[in-house]
Amino acid sequence: MTMKVAGKERTTSRAKLAVIVLVMLAIVVGAAALRNAADYPATDDATIDADVVHVAAAVGGRVLKIAVSENVHVRKGDLLFQIDPVPYEASVRQSEADLALARANLDSLRRAIATQRSAASVASDQIARAVANSGLAARNVDRLRPLVAQGYVPAQQLDQAETALHDARTTLAVAREQHVGAQGAIDTVDSGVAAVQAREAALIVARRLLADTTVRAAHDGRVVGLTVSSGEMVAPSQSLFTLVTSDEWFAAGNFRETELRRISVGDCATVYSMIDTSKPIKAVVQGIGSGVLDDDRVNVPRSVPYVAKSVNWVRVEQRFPVRVRLLNPPDQLTRLGASAIVEVRHGKSCR
């Protein structure tokens, strides 16, 4: 009987010891988890992100050719689609003809101005001759007057000299008026130059519009949302599809506001794409959100991200987006909008 009691006591002691060990182990594991959470802020409220380009032509017209298909990968400079260029080629030819006409008119205007300046120069020479003739006639009259008074020269000769003086002065006045008129008639080339410049600008615009009929990829990326086909009429700036750029990939994780003090730009991060969480992706913190919209301002037209709170009847911690740039991510793990987990290693710079 004594042996059974002793056995039960030993079993009870071992059970108590096991419970104590388990509790202590749980405390250690919990403390380690808390410390790890403090040292490595993490969130599973994250998505894979990338820059997108809404591909559209700057001009409208009929789509002649679409050189890509849905989900195909393109390189920068690859042909995406072609708008019918015929109307824009005609516009270029018309602009070239208008420019040639404006230049011809400018040349004609310059020749006319040269003729006007020549006429003004002739009028100036006529003034000089009229001044000389008027002075000569005046001196002749002054010389004849005393001679007529003394009877050495007939009065008729003096009358002729005075008439010549009057004619010379009249001719001088007429020459001066002609010179003023000739100077005022001289035109400028400003209007012709402005017309040429306007036609040159119109030709540049026409050539640019013609070039815009050929749309090429501005970045490496993947085509998504392609729903049009050749033959369709499109308007200027109408988006035909979206190009998800593959130059850089990001992850946008919403972290609790209490964790932001342990996150800095340049910190190393690890991203796990839900496509395959067994393959970690190295990353670096690029930016921390400066603000979000709350429920009271969700309809305000602003470019500020909206991060919904989980419940409405209690005060919960607000989350702010943290953007991290992925370093050499595998192609099979990068899909726009894919769910992800972001873990930040605070204090370790990846710069």
Protein backbone atom coordinates (compact mmCIF):
# COMPACT_ATOMS: atom_id res chain seq x y z
CA MET A 1 0.00 0.00 0.00
CA THR A 2 2.84 2.32 0.87
CA MET A 3 4.53 1.57 -2.48
CA LYS A 4 1.35 2.53 -4.42
CA VAL A 5 1.09 5.86 -2.61
CA ALA A 6 4.75 6.59 -3.27
CA GLY A 7 4.29 5.74 -6.97
CA LYS A 8 1.32 8.07 -7.24
CA GLU A 9 3.30 10.88 -5.58
CA ARG A 10 6.20 10.40 -8.00
CA THR A 11 3.77 10.48 -10.95
CA THR A 12 2.15 13.65 -9.62
CA SER A 13 5.53 15.28 -9.12
CA ARG A 14 6.60 14.41 -12.63
CA ALA A 15 3.37 15.81 -14.03
CA LYS A 16 3.83 19.01 -12.06
CA LEU A 17 7.42 19.23 -13.24
CA ALA A 18 6.31 18.70 -16.85
CA VAL A 19 3.69 21.42 -16.48
CA ILE A 20 6.26 23.77 -15.00
CA VAL A 21 8.70 23.01 -17.81
CA LEU A 22 6.00 23.58 -20.41
CA VAL A 23 4.98 26.87 -18.82
CA MET A 24 8.57 28.05 -18.66
CA LEU A 25 9.11 26.95 -22.26
CA ALA A 26 5.99 28.84 -23.28
CA ILE A 27 7.25 31.92 -21.46
CA VAL A 28 10.63 31.67 -23.16
CA VAL A 29 9.03 31.13 -26.57
CA GLY A 30 6.61 34.02 -25.96
CA ALA A 31 9.39 36.31 -24.83
CA ALA A 32 11.44 35.34 -27.88
CA ALA A 33 8.45 35.97 -30.10
CA LEU A 34 7.85 39.38 -28.54
CA ARG A 35 11.50 40.29 -28.89
CA ASN A 36 11.52 39.06 -32.46
CA ALA A 37 8.39 41.11 -33.19
CA ALA A 38 10.07 44.16 -31.66
CA ASP A 39 13.26 43.66 -33.64
CA TYR A 40 11.56 42.55 -36.84
CA PRO A 41 8.26 44.40 -37.45
CA ALA A 42 6.15 42.34 -39.82
CA THR A 43 2.75 42.39 -41.49
CA ASP A 44 0.75 39.97 -43.59
CA ASP A 45 -1.44 42.86 -44.85
CA ALA A 46 0.77 43.43 -47.89
CA THR A 47 0.65 43.09 -51.66
CA ILE A 48 3.17 42.88 -54.47
CA ASP A 49 3.19 46.16 -56.37
CA ALA A 50 4.71 47.63 -59.52
CA ASP A 51 4.45 50.77 -61.59
CA VAL A 52 1.89 50.57 -64.38
CA VAL A 53 1.57 52.47 -67.65
CA HIS A 54 -1.84 52.93 -69.24
CA VAL A 55 -0.89 52.56 -72.90
CA ALA A 56 -2.66 54.95 -75.25
CA ALA A 57 -1.94 56.79 -78.47
CA ALA A 58 -1.76 60.57 -78.42
CA VAL A 59 -3.71 60.58 -81.69
CA GLY A 60 -6.98 59.01 -82.73
CA GLY A 61 -7.80 56.86 -85.72
CA ARG A 62 -8.23 53.30 -86.88
CA VAL A 63 -6.00 50.64 -85.33
CA LEU A 64 -4.17 48.94 -88.19
CA LYS A 65 -2.12 46.47 -86.18
CA ILE A 66 -1.73 45.26 -82.60
CA ALA A 67 1.66 43.67 -82.22
CA VAL A 68 1.16 42.23 -78.71
CA SER A 69 -1.19 39.87 -76.94
CA GLU A 70 -2.50 39.48 -73.40
CA ASN A 71 0.16 38.68 -70.75
CA VAL A 72 3.01 38.81 -73.28
CA HIS A 73 6.31 40.28 -72.07
CA VAL A 74 7.69 43.19 -74.10
CA ARG A 75 10.98 45.02 -74.11
CA LYS A 76 11.49 48.77 -74.12
CA GLY A 77 11.13 50.02 -77.70
CA ASP A 78 9.05 47.07 -78.95
CA LEU A 79 6.11 47.92 -81.23
CA LEU A 80 2.79 47.77 -79.35
CA PHE A 81 0.26 48.93 -81.94
CA GLN A 82 -0.07 51.05 -85.07
CA ILE A 83 -2.66 53.74 -85.86
CA ASP A 84 -3.53 54.43 -89.52
CA PRO A 85 -0.91 57.03 -90.52
CA VAL A 86 -2.43 58.15 -93.88
CA PRO A 87 -4.35 61.23 -92.57
CA TYR A 88 -1.31 62.34 -90.59
CA GLU A 89 1.03 61.86 -93.56
CA ALA A 90 -1.29 64.13 -95.58
CA SER A 91 -1.19 66.69 -92.76
CA VAL A 92 2.61 66.64 -92.85
CA ARG A 93 2.64 67.23 -96.61
CA GLN A 94 0.18 70.11 -96.23
CA SER A 95 2.30 71.66 -93.49
CA GLU A 96 5.41 71.31 -95.65
CA ALA A 97 3.60 73.07 -98.54
CA ASP A 98 2.39 75.84 -96.21
CA LEU A 99 5.94 76.34 -94.97
CA ALA A 100 7.31 76.51 -98.53
CA LEU A 101 4.65 79.10 -99.41
CA ALA A 102 5.45 81.17 -96.32
CA ARG A 103 9.16 81.12 -97.16
CA ALA A 104 8.43 82.18 -100.76
CA ASN A 105 6.27 85.05 -99.49
CA LEU A 106 9.08 86.07 -97.16
CA ASP A 107 11.54 86.14 -100.06
CA SER A 108 9.11 88.26 -102.09
CA LEU A 109 8.67 90.60 -99.15
CA ARG A 110 12.43 90.98 -98.81
CA ARG A 111 12.75 91.84 -102.52
CA ALA A 112 9.95 94.39 -102.21
CA ILE A 113 11.64 95.95 -99.19
CA ALA A 114 14.92 96.14 -101.15
CA THR A 115 13.05 98.02 -103.91
CA GLN A 116 11.48 100.36 -101.35
CA ARG A 117 14.85 101.10 -99.82
CA SER A 118 16.28 101.79 -103.28
CA ALA A 119 13.46 104.27 -103.94
CA ALA A 120 14.16 105.98 -100.61
CA SER A 121 17.85 106.22 -101.55
CA VAL A 122 16.94 107.79 -104.93
CA ALA A 123 14.70 110.28 -103.15
CA SER A 124 17.57 111.17 -100.85
CA ASP A 125 19.84 111.79 -103.86
CA GLN A 126 17.14 113.99 -105.41
CA ILE A 127 17.04 116.09 -102.26
CA ALA A 128 20.80 116.57 -102.45
CA ARG A 129 20.57 117.69 -106.10
CA ALA A 130 17.61 119.97 -105.36
CA VAL A 131 19.50 121.58 -102.46
CA ALA A 132 22.49 122.19 -104.72
CA ASN A 133 20.34 123.67 -107.52
CA SER A 134 18.44 125.85 -105.08
CA GLY A 135 21.67 127.22 -103.63
CA LEU A 136 23.07 127.90 -107.08
CA ALA A 137 19.90 129.73 -108.16
CA ALA A 138 19.91 131.82 -104.97
CA ARG A 139 23.52 132.88 -105.50
CA ASN A 140 22.76 133.77 -109.14
CA VAL A 141 19.87 136.03 -108.05
CA ASP A 142 22.06 137.72 -105.43
CA ARG A 143 24.73 138.38 -108.06
CA LEU A 144 22.35 139.83 -110.70
CA ARG A 145 20.41 142.22 -108.47
CA PRO A 146 23.21 144.83 -108.07
CA LEU A 147 24.09 144.51 -111.72
CA VAL A 148 20.50 145.19 -112.79
CA ALA A 149 20.30 148.13 -110.41
CA GLN A 150 23.42 149.64 -112.07
CA GLY A 151 22.09 148.90 -115.56
CA TYR A 152 24.78 146.43 -116.50
CA VAL A 153 22.35 143.54 -116.88
CA PRO A 154 18.81 143.60 -118.30
CA ALA A 155 15.97 143.17 -115.77
CA GLN A 156 14.66 140.27 -117.83
CA GLN A 157 17.75 138.26 -116.91
CA LEU A 158 17.06 138.87 -113.20
CA ASP A 159 13.44 137.79 -113.68
CA GLN A 160 14.66 134.57 -115.28
CA ALA A 161 17.03 133.94 -112.39
CA GLU A 162 14.31 134.51 -109.79
CA THR A 163 12.00 132.14 -111.69
CA ALA A 164 14.76 129.52 -111.70
CA LEU A 165 15.21 130.02 -107.94
CA HIS A 166 11.48 129.52 -107.35
CA ASP A 167 11.50 126.35 -109.47
CA ALA A 168 14.54 125.01 -107.58
CA ARG A 169 12.91 125.60 -104.23
CA THR A 170 9.69 123.92 -105.44
CA THR A 171 11.71 120.95 -106.68
CA LEU A 172 13.46 120.74 -103.28
CA ALA A 173 10.15 120.71 -101.42
CA VAL A 174 8.80 118.02 -103.74
CA ALA A 175 11.98 115.92 -103.29
CA ARG A 176 11.70 116.14 -99.52
CA GLU A 177 8.06 115.04 -99.60
CA GLN A 178 8.98 112.13 -101.89
CA HIS A 179 11.77 111.12 -99.51
CA VAL A 180 9.40 111.12 -96.53
CA GLY A 181 6.89 109.03 -98.50
CA ALA A 182 9.58 106.58 -99.65
CA GLN A 183 10.88 106.15 -96.10
CA GLY A 184 7.37 105.54 -94.80
CA ALA A 185 6.71 102.98 -97.52
CA ILE A 186 9.60 100.78 -96.43
CA ASP A 187 8.02 97.62 -94.96
CA THR A 188 9.47 95.15 -92.42
CA VAL A 189 9.98 91.41 -92.62
CA ASP A 190 8.44 90.82 -89.19
CA SER A 191 5.12 89.56 -90.55
CA GLY A 192 6.84 87.28 -93.04
CA VAL A 193 9.22 85.90 -90.42
CA ALA A 194 6.31 85.29 -88.03
CA ALA A 195 4.41 83.46 -90.76
CA VAL A 196 7.41 81.21 -91.45
CA GLN A 197 7.86 80.48 -87.75
CA ALA A 198 4.16 79.60 -87.42
CA ARG A 199 4.38 77.19 -90.37
CA GLU A 200 7.56 75.63 -88.97
CA ALA A 201 5.81 75.02 -85.65
CA ALA A 202 2.80 73.54 -87.45
CA LEU A 203 5.11 71.19 -89.35
CA ILE A 204 6.78 70.07 -86.11
CA VAL A 205 3.35 69.32 -84.61
CA ALA A 206 2.25 67.44 -87.74
CA ARG A 207 5.40 65.31 -87.75
CA ARG A 208 4.99 64.59 -84.04
CA LEU A 209 1.39 63.48 -84.57
CA LEU A 210 2.54 61.22 -87.41
CA ALA A 211 5.22 59.72 -85.17
CA ASP A 212 2.60 59.16 -82.45
CA THR A 213 0.67 56.81 -84.74
CA THR A 214 3.36 54.23 -83.93
CA VAL A 215 3.19 53.32 -80.23
CA ARG A 216 6.18 51.56 -78.68
CA ALA A 217 6.86 50.29 -75.17
CA ALA A 218 8.39 52.89 -72.88
CA HIS A 219 9.51 50.22 -70.38
CA ASP A 220 10.08 46.51 -70.08
CA GLY A 221 6.88 44.95 -68.85
CA ARG A 222 3.91 42.66 -69.32
CA VAL A 223 0.71 43.46 -71.22
CA VAL A 224 -2.54 43.12 -69.26
CA GLY A 225 -6.12 44.14 -69.93
CA LEU A 226 -5.91 43.97 -73.73
CA THR A 227 -9.48 43.98 -75.05
CA VAL A 228 -9.21 45.69 -78.46
CA SER A 229 -8.36 44.30 -81.87
CA SER A 230 -7.18 45.72 -85.18
CA GLY A 231 -9.75 47.71 -87.14
CA GLU A 232 -11.23 49.44 -84.11
CA MET A 233 -11.50 53.23 -84.02
CA VAL A 234 -9.91 54.83 -80.97
CA ALA A 235 -9.96 58.36 -79.64
CA PRO A 236 -6.86 60.37 -78.71
CA SER A 237 -5.47 59.33 -75.30
CA GLN A 238 -7.86 56.35 -75.12
CA SER A 239 -6.18 53.60 -73.08
CA LEU A 240 -6.05 50.30 -74.95
CA PHE A 241 -4.36 48.22 -72.25
CA THR A 242 -2.03 48.40 -69.27
CA LEU A 243 1.68 47.69 -69.20
CA VAL A 244 2.90 46.38 -65.86
CA THR A 245 6.51 47.50 -65.79
CA SER A 246 9.12 44.97 -64.78
CA ASP A 247 11.95 47.45 -64.28
CA GLU A 248 11.32 47.48 -60.51
CA TRP A 249 9.01 45.57 -58.21
CA PHE A 250 7.77 46.66 -54.81
CA ALA A 251 5.75 45.41 -51.88
CA ALA A 252 3.31 47.67 -50.06
CA GLY A 253 2.74 46.56 -46.47
CA ASN A 254 0.34 48.19 -44.00
CA PHE A 255 2.09 48.38 -40.61
CA ARG A 256 0.52 49.38 -37.31
CA GLU A 257 1.32 52.91 -36.24
CA THR A 258 2.96 51.58 -33.06
CA GLU A 259 5.53 49.77 -35.22
CA LEU A 260 6.54 52.72 -37.38
CA ARG A 261 9.13 53.94 -34.89
CA ARG A 262 11.05 50.72 -35.54
CA ILE A 263 11.04 51.21 -39.32
CA SER A 264 13.32 53.58 -41.23
CA VAL A 265 14.03 54.23 -44.88
CA GLY A 266 16.98 52.08 -45.93
CA ASP A 267 16.22 49.22 -43.52
CA CYS A 268 16.60 45.73 -44.93
CA ALA A 269 13.39 43.78 -45.43
CA THR A 270 12.32 40.30 -46.40
CA VAL A 271 9.23 39.71 -48.50
CA TYR A 272 7.40 36.41 -48.85
CA SER A 273 5.07 36.20 -51.82
CA MET A 274 2.04 34.06 -51.13
CA ILE A 275 2.67 32.44 -54.50
CA ASP A 276 5.49 30.55 -52.79
CA THR A 277 6.30 31.51 -49.20
CA SER A 278 9.27 29.15 -49.12
CA LYS A 279 11.30 31.58 -51.24
CA PRO A 280 12.20 34.81 -49.39
CA ILE A 281 12.86 37.93 -51.44
CA LYS A 282 15.38 40.48 -50.25
CA ALA A 283 14.14 44.06 -50.19
CA VAL A 284 14.89 47.54 -48.84
CA VAL A 285 12.49 50.03 -47.26
CA GLN A 286 11.95 52.84 -49.76
CA GLY A 287 9.32 54.98 -48.07
CA ILE A 288 6.86 55.22 -45.18
CA GLY A 289 3.36 56.57 -45.75
CA SER A 290 2.87 60.13 -44.51
CA GLY A 291 -0.89 59.84 -44.15
CA VAL A 292 -4.02 57.85 -44.87
CA LEU A 293 -7.69 58.69 -45.25
CA ASP A 294 -10.00 57.86 -42.39
CA ASP A 295 -13.64 56.82 -42.64
CA ASP A 296 -14.83 60.43 -42.37
CA ARG A 297 -12.81 61.53 -45.39
CA VAL A 298 -12.91 58.45 -47.57
CA ASN A 299 -14.89 60.25 -50.29
CA VAL A 300 -12.59 63.27 -50.39
CA PRO A 301 -10.95 63.47 -53.86
CA ARG A 302 -7.35 63.12 -52.76
CA SER A 303 -4.44 60.93 -53.82
CA VAL A 304 -3.94 59.64 -50.28
CA PRO A 305 -4.21 55.86 -49.63
CA TYR A 306 -7.22 54.55 -47.73
CA VAL A 307 -6.51 51.84 -45.17
CA ALA A 308 -9.69 50.55 -43.52
CA LYS A 309 -9.76 49.74 -39.82
CA SER A 310 -10.82 46.24 -38.84
CA VAL A 311 -13.70 47.19 -36.50
CA ASN A 312 -15.80 50.27 -35.90
CA TRP A 313 -16.93 49.98 -32.26
CA VAL A 314 -13.51 50.12 -30.62
CA ARG A 315 -10.43 52.23 -31.15
CA VAL A 316 -7.87 50.20 -33.08
CA GLU A 317 -4.38 50.96 -34.21
CA GLN A 318 -4.22 52.71 -37.57
CA ARG A 319 -2.09 51.13 -40.26
CA PHE A 320 0.20 53.08 -42.57
CA PRO A 321 1.61 51.81 -45.87
CA VAL A 322 5.33 51.07 -46.02
CA ARG A 323 6.80 50.62 -49.49
CA VAL A 324 9.78 48.32 -49.94
CA ARG A 325 11.72 47.75 -53.14
CA LEU A 326 12.40 44.16 -54.09
CA LEU A 327 15.98 43.25 -54.95
CA ASN A 328 16.23 40.90 -57.94
CA PRO A 329 12.89 39.14 -57.34
CA PRO A 330 12.16 35.90 -59.25
CA ASP A 331 9.77 36.39 -62.17
CA GLN A 332 7.49 33.58 -60.99
CA LEU A 333 6.88 35.33 -57.64
CA THR A 334 6.08 38.81 -58.97
CA ARG A 335 2.45 39.31 -59.89
CA LEU A 336 0.76 42.67 -59.48
CA GLY A 337 -1.59 42.53 -56.48
CA ALA A 338 -0.34 39.18 -55.15
CA SER A 339 -0.62 38.82 -51.36
CA ALA A 340 2.62 38.99 -49.42
CA ILE A 341 4.25 39.12 -46.00
CA VAL A 342 6.76 41.88 -45.25
CA GLU A 343 9.30 41.63 -42.44
CA VAL A 344 11.59 44.58 -41.69
CA ARG A 345 15.00 44.17 -40.08
CA HIS A 346 15.22 47.50 -38.28
CA GLY A 347 18.62 49.15 -37.97
CA LYS A 348 20.29 47.13 -40.69
CA SER A 349 20.92 49.40 -43.65
CA CYS A 350 20.78 47.96 -47.15
CA ARG A 351 22.11 51.12 -48.77
